């Protein structure tokens, strides 16, 4: 099997990651924008796209990847995200029709717990490109 990578954002750092990572990363523009991790993937044959749930400090955490064009597209989650909501948590579930269900999580220091509202459960309508908060 041959594996090929497609870079969404590029970050090179020698910095150690520590307990205060949230505060340090949002203070550094390069880390804030470019430090991402892929948490979950879901390919939907009907749409010929790979849906990508990310962890990213800038809240831009939901994307598609089109294998035909080799391009990523943001699904605009950062427009509705709360400040500390920086991760799609664990899975993406397709209802077989046109909706994806998932949840978010927060990644921040314990000292910020009182400010952070926590994650949410939401749905995304692939055809209308609309989000609905469920809980």
C-alpha atoms as a PDB file:
ATOM      1  CA  UNK A   1       0.000   0.000   0.000  1.00  0.00           C
ATOM      2  CA  UNK A   2       1.223   3.479  -0.841  1.00  0.00           C
ATOM      3  CA  UNK A   3       0.311   6.341   1.467  1.00  0.00           C
ATOM      4  CA  UNK A   4       0.454   9.973   0.401  1.00  0.00           C
ATOM      5  CA  UNK A   5       0.037  12.950   2.689  1.00  0.00           C
ATOM      6  CA  UNK A   6      -1.757  16.197   1.953  1.00  0.00           C
ATOM      7  CA  UNK A   7      -0.835  19.055   4.258  1.00  0.00           C
ATOM      8  CA  UNK A   8      -3.662  21.205   5.588  1.00  0.00           C
ATOM      9  CA  UNK A   9      -1.474  23.624   7.540  1.00  0.00           C
ATOM     10  CA  UNK A  10       2.242  23.492   8.175  1.00  0.00           C
ATOM     11  CA  UNK A  11       3.979  24.155  11.495  1.00  0.00           C
ATOM     12  CA  UNK A  12       7.535  23.448  12.465  1.00  0.00           C
ATOM     13  CA  UNK A  13       8.465  23.882  16.108  1.00  0.00           C
ATOM     14  CA  UNK A  14      11.020  22.588  18.563  1.00  0.00           C
ATOM     15  CA  UNK A  15       8.943  23.763  21.508  1.00  0.00           C
ATOM     16  CA  UNK A  16       8.024  21.329  24.262  1.00  0.00           C
ATOM     17  CA  UNK A  17       4.322  21.009  24.958  1.00  0.00           C
ATOM     18  CA  UNK A  18       3.369  21.732  28.526  1.00  0.00           C
ATOM     19  CA  UNK A  19       0.428  21.985  30.886  1.00  0.00           C
ATOM     20  CA  UNK A  20      -0.121  25.633  29.930  1.00  0.00           C
ATOM     21  CA  UNK A  21      -0.308  24.796  26.214  1.00  0.00           C
ATOM     22  CA  UNK A  22      -3.613  26.561  25.547  1.00  0.00           C
ATOM     23  CA  UNK A  23      -2.383  29.935  26.801  1.00  0.00           C
ATOM     24  CA  UNK A  24       0.957  29.616  25.020  1.00  0.00           C
ATOM     25  CA  UNK A  25      -0.557  28.505  21.731  1.00  0.00           C
ATOM     26  CA  UNK A  26      -3.184  31.223  21.465  1.00  0.00           C
ATOM     27  CA  UNK A  27      -0.494  33.822  22.227  1.00  0.00           C
ATOM     28  CA  UNK A  28       1.694  32.615  19.332  1.00  0.00           C
ATOM     29  CA  UNK A  29       0.081  33.460  15.939  1.00  0.00           C
ATOM     30  CA  UNK A  30       1.842  30.624  14.107  1.00  0.00           C
ATOM     31  CA  UNK A  31       0.822  28.030  16.720  1.00  0.00           C
ATOM     32  CA  UNK A  32      -2.690  29.492  16.954  1.00  0.00           C
ATOM     33  CA  UNK A  33      -3.326  29.157  13.223  1.00  0.00           C
ATOM     34  CA  UNK A  34      -1.180  26.230  12.158  1.00  0.00           C
ATOM     35  CA  UNK A  35      -1.049  23.683  14.974  1.00  0.00           C
ATOM     36  CA  UNK A  36      -3.689  21.118  14.051  1.00  0.00           C
ATOM     37  CA  UNK A  37      -4.334  17.477  14.693  1.00  0.00           C
ATOM     38  CA  UNK A  38      -6.695  15.183  12.825  1.00  0.00           C
ATOM     39  CA  UNK A  39      -9.004  13.538  15.391  1.00  0.00           C
ATOM     40  CA  UNK A  40     -11.478  11.700  13.178  1.00  0.00           C
ATOM     41  CA  UNK A  41     -12.215  11.051   9.522  1.00  0.00           C
ATOM     42  CA  UNK A  42     -15.348   9.963   7.666  1.00  0.00           C
ATOM     43  CA  UNK A  43     -15.488   9.242   3.942  1.00  0.00           C
ATOM     44  CA  UNK A  44     -18.970   9.549   2.458  1.00  0.00           C
ATOM     45  CA  UNK A  45     -19.250   7.865  -0.926  1.00  0.00           C
ATOM     46  CA  UNK A  46     -22.421   9.796  -1.815  1.00  0.00           C
ATOM     47  CA  UNK A  47     -20.489  13.086  -1.713  1.00  0.00           C
ATOM     48  CA  UNK A  48     -17.068  11.682  -2.711  1.00  0.00           C
ATOM     49  CA  UNK A  49     -15.505  13.608   0.167  1.00  0.00           C
ATOM     50  CA  UNK A  50     -13.551  12.873   3.301  1.00  0.00           C
ATOM     51  CA  UNK A  51     -14.934  14.786   6.293  1.00  0.00           C
ATOM     52  CA  UNK A  52     -12.219  15.744   8.782  1.00  0.00           C
ATOM     53  CA  UNK A  53     -12.656  16.519  12.474  1.00  0.00           C
ATOM     54  CA  UNK A  54      -9.683  18.449  13.828  1.00  0.00           C
ATOM     55  CA  UNK A  55      -8.166  19.900  16.949  1.00  0.00           C
ATOM     56  CA  UNK A  56      -7.133  23.509  16.240  1.00  0.00           C
ATOM     57  CA  UNK A  57      -6.764  26.458  18.604  1.00  0.00           C
ATOM     58  CA  UNK A  58      -8.320  28.865  16.063  1.00  0.00           C
ATOM     59  CA  UNK A  59     -11.648  26.928  16.217  1.00  0.00           C
ATOM     60  CA  UNK A  60     -11.519  26.068  12.489  1.00  0.00           C
ATOM     61  CA  UNK A  61     -12.064  22.379  13.269  1.00  0.00           C
ATOM     62  CA  UNK A  62     -14.307  20.886  10.572  1.00  0.00           C
ATOM     63  CA  UNK A  63     -13.135  20.356   6.983  1.00  0.00           C
ATOM     64  CA  UNK A  64     -13.653  18.278   3.892  1.00  0.00           C
ATOM     65  CA  UNK A  65     -10.950  16.829   1.698  1.00  0.00           C
ATOM     66  CA  UNK A  66     -11.747  16.161  -1.941  1.00  0.00           C
ATOM     67  CA  UNK A  67      -9.620  13.249  -3.211  1.00  0.00           C
ATOM     68  CA  UNK A  68     -10.284  14.264  -6.837  1.00  0.00           C
ATOM     69  CA  UNK A  69      -8.929  17.813  -6.485  1.00  0.00           C
ATOM     70  CA  UNK A  70      -6.590  17.082  -3.526  1.00  0.00           C
ATOM     71  CA  UNK A  71      -7.954  20.186  -1.756  1.00  0.00           C
ATOM     72  CA  UNK A  72      -9.262  20.866   1.732  1.00  0.00           C
ATOM     73  CA  UNK A  73     -12.262  23.103   2.375  1.00  0.00           C
ATOM     74  CA  UNK A  74     -13.212  24.602   5.726  1.00  0.00           C
ATOM     75  CA  UNK A  75     -16.830  24.015   6.712  1.00  0.00           C
ATOM     76  CA  UNK A  76     -16.851  27.286   8.662  1.00  0.00           C
ATOM     77  CA  UNK A  77     -17.205  25.944  12.196  1.00  0.00           C
ATOM     78  CA  UNK A  78     -15.108  28.817  13.567  1.00  0.00           C
ATOM     79  CA  UNK A  79     -17.999  31.192  12.749  1.00  0.00           C
ATOM     80  CA  UNK A  80     -20.220  29.538  15.379  1.00  0.00           C
ATOM     81  CA  UNK A  81     -17.606  28.179  17.812  1.00  0.00           C
ATOM     82  CA  UNK A  82     -17.140  29.346  21.366  1.00  0.00           C
ATOM     83  CA  UNK A  83     -13.666  30.528  22.391  1.00  0.00           C
ATOM     84  CA  UNK A  84     -12.433  27.289  23.983  1.00  0.00           C
ATOM     85  CA  UNK A  85     -14.192  24.881  21.615  1.00  0.00           C
ATOM     86  CA  UNK A  86     -11.124  23.628  19.761  1.00  0.00           C
ATOM     87  CA  UNK A  87     -11.663  19.950  18.987  1.00  0.00           C
ATOM     88  CA  UNK A  88     -14.090  17.621  17.221  1.00  0.00           C
ATOM     89  CA  UNK A  89     -14.305  14.881  19.805  1.00  0.00           C
ATOM     90  CA  UNK A  90     -13.699  11.277  18.713  1.00  0.00           C
ATOM     91  CA  UNK A  91     -16.125  10.591  15.863  1.00  0.00           C
ATOM     92  CA  UNK A  92     -18.253  11.751  12.962  1.00  0.00           C
ATOM     93  CA  UNK A  93     -21.500   9.846  12.339  1.00  0.00           C
ATOM     94  CA  UNK A  94     -23.394  10.005   9.039  1.00  0.00           C
ATOM     95  CA  UNK A  95     -27.154   9.366   9.094  1.00  0.00           C
ATOM     96  CA  UNK A  96     -27.110   7.852   5.581  1.00  0.00           C
ATOM     97  CA  UNK A  97     -29.036  10.787   4.159  1.00  0.00           C
ATOM     98  CA  UNK A  98     -27.367  14.224   4.402  1.00  0.00           C
ATOM     99  CA  UNK A  99     -26.516  14.886   8.040  1.00  0.00           C
ATOM    100  CA  UNK A 100     -23.377  14.354  10.112  1.00  0.00           C
ATOM    101  CA  UNK A 101     -23.579  14.201  13.912  1.00  0.00           C
ATOM    102  CA  UNK A 102     -20.622  14.905  16.171  1.00  0.00           C
ATOM    103  CA  UNK A 103     -19.483  16.736  19.284  1.00  0.00           C
ATOM    104  CA  UNK A 104     -16.779  19.159  20.322  1.00  0.00           C
ATOM    105  CA  UNK A 105     -14.469  19.323  23.304  1.00  0.00           C
ATOM    106  CA  UNK A 106     -12.359  21.981  24.925  1.00  0.00           C
ATOM    107  CA  UNK A 107      -8.600  21.856  25.468  1.00  0.00           C
ATOM    108  CA  UNK A 108      -7.546  24.440  28.004  1.00  0.00           C
ATOM    109  CA  UNK A 109      -5.829  24.834  31.335  1.00  0.00           C
ATOM    110  CA  UNK A 110      -7.654  23.923  34.530  1.00  0.00           C
ATOM    111  CA  UNK A 111      -7.413  27.596  35.515  1.00  0.00           C
ATOM    112  CA  UNK A 112      -9.803  28.448  32.653  1.00  0.00           C
ATOM    113  CA  UNK A 113     -12.584  25.975  33.533  1.00  0.00           C
ATOM    114  CA  UNK A 114     -14.844  28.678  34.953  1.00  0.00           C
ATOM    115  CA  UNK A 115     -14.619  30.679  31.706  1.00  0.00           C
ATOM    116  CA  UNK A 116     -15.132  27.759  29.328  1.00  0.00           C
ATOM    117  CA  UNK A 117     -18.701  26.685  28.617  1.00  0.00           C
ATOM    118  CA  UNK A 118     -17.650  23.238  27.432  1.00  0.00           C
ATOM    119  CA  UNK A 119     -18.247  21.389  24.203  1.00  0.00           C
ATOM    120  CA  UNK A 120     -21.490  20.801  22.366  1.00  0.00           C
ATOM    121  CA  UNK A 121     -23.257  18.127  20.362  1.00  0.00           C
ATOM    122  CA  UNK A 122     -24.268  19.293  16.909  1.00  0.00           C
ATOM    123  CA  UNK A 123     -25.392  18.246  13.469  1.00  0.00           C
ATOM    124  CA  UNK A 124     -24.190  19.471  10.097  1.00  0.00           C
ATOM    125  CA  UNK A 125     -26.443  19.364   7.040  1.00  0.00           C
ATOM    126  CA  UNK A 126     -24.088  18.669   4.140  1.00  0.00           C
ATOM    127  CA  UNK A 127     -26.414  20.028   1.467  1.00  0.00           C
ATOM    128  CA  UNK A 128     -27.556  23.258   3.145  1.00  0.00           C
ATOM    129  CA  UNK A 129     -24.185  23.708   4.917  1.00  0.00           C
ATOM    130  CA  UNK A 130     -26.006  24.565   8.160  1.00  0.00           C
ATOM    131  CA  UNK A 131     -25.158  23.657  11.728  1.00  0.00           C
ATOM    132  CA  UNK A 132     -27.664  22.856  14.453  1.00  0.00           C
ATOM    133  CA  UNK A 133     -26.690  22.725  18.121  1.00  0.00           C
ATOM    134  CA  UNK A 134     -28.386  19.736  19.757  1.00  0.00           C
ATOM    135  CA  UNK A 135     -26.976  19.977  23.290  1.00  0.00           C
END
